Protein backbone atom coordinates (compact mmCIF):
# COMPACT_ATOMS: atom_id res chain seq x y z
CA MET A 1 -6.87 2.13 5.84
CA LYS A 2 -9.84 2.49 3.69
CA ASN A 3 -10.00 4.19 0.31
CA GLU A 4 -11.47 7.18 1.45
CA GLU A 5 -8.89 7.54 3.99
CA ILE A 6 -6.07 7.05 1.69
CA LYS A 7 -7.65 9.38 -0.97
CA THR A 8 -7.42 12.40 1.82
CA LEU A 9 -3.75 12.16 2.09
CA SER A 10 -1.40 14.38 0.47
CA LEU A 11 1.38 13.09 -1.92
CA ALA A 12 4.19 13.21 0.62
CA GLN A 13 1.97 11.31 3.18
CA LEU A 14 1.26 8.50 0.59
CA ASP A 15 4.87 8.05 -0.45
CA ALA A 16 5.53 7.66 3.40
CA ARG A 17 2.69 5.13 3.83
CA LEU A 18 4.01 3.24 0.81
CA LYS A 19 7.65 2.95 2.29
CA GLU A 20 6.02 1.83 5.67
CA LEU A 21 3.89 -0.95 3.76
CA LYS A 22 6.92 -2.23 1.81
CA ASN A 23 8.72 -2.41 4.85
CA GLU A 24 6.01 -4.22 6.59
CA LEU A 25 5.60 -6.51 3.47
CA PHE A 26 9.40 -7.43 3.55
CA ASN A 27 9.03 -8.27 7.32
CA LEU A 28 6.25 -10.52 6.73
CA ARG A 29 7.63 -12.32 3.90
CA PHE A 30 10.71 -12.86 6.14
CA SER A 31 8.60 -14.05 9.08
CA HIS A 32 6.80 -16.37 6.52
CA ALA A 33 9.91 -17.89 5.08
CA THR A 34 11.38 -18.62 8.79
CA ARG A 35 7.90 -20.24 9.57
CA ASN A 36 7.01 -17.56 12.34
CA LEU A 37 4.29 -15.57 10.66
CA ALA A 38 1.06 -16.36 12.68
CA ASN A 39 -1.51 -15.39 9.96
CA PRO A 40 -0.24 -15.80 6.57
CA LEU A 41 -3.30 -13.71 5.19
CA GLU A 42 -1.49 -10.60 6.47
CA ILE A 43 0.73 -10.62 3.30
CA ARG A 44 -2.33 -10.44 0.91
CA ASN A 45 -3.86 -7.74 3.06
CA VAL A 46 -0.50 -5.67 3.03
CA ARG A 47 -0.14 -6.05 -0.74
CA ARG A 48 -3.70 -4.85 -1.56
CA GLU A 49 -3.13 -1.84 0.62
CA ILE A 50 0.06 -1.23 -1.23
CA ALA A 51 -1.93 -1.45 -4.38
CA ARG A 52 -4.39 1.16 -3.01
CA VAL A 53 -1.73 3.76 -2.06
CA GLN A 54 0.02 3.25 -5.55
CA THR A 55 -3.33 3.77 -7.26
CA ALA A 56 -4.04 6.90 -5.16
CA ILE A 57 -0.58 8.20 -6.06
CA ARG A 58 -1.08 7.67 -9.61
CA GLU A 59 -4.54 9.46 -9.53
CA LYS A 60 -2.97 12.55 -7.72
CA SER A 61 -0.07 12.88 -9.88
CA ASN A 62 -2.18 12.73 -13.04
CA GLY A 63 -4.06 15.67 -11.48
CA GLY A 64 -7.30 13.72 -11.45
CA ASN A 65 -7.38 13.05 -15.30
CA ASN A 66 -8.42 9.54 -15.32
CA ASP A 67 -9.86 9.10 -18.82
CA GLY A 68 -8.27 5.79 -19.28
CA LYS A 69 -5.83 6.75 -21.90
């Protein structure tokens, strides 16, 4: 998902997406440990998407008050 798509989701949808991504990351790490992962870069991509979703959750929970303090 792109940042614009992530920012349009509600908090409940963001929480659900975060759970999906964390589950996917767990499965990717497990596959990587057993040497069954075809593309190890998928782990990095999922971690970055988790960070995007967490950032959107934080922005929404602060009510858009993002003054750096």
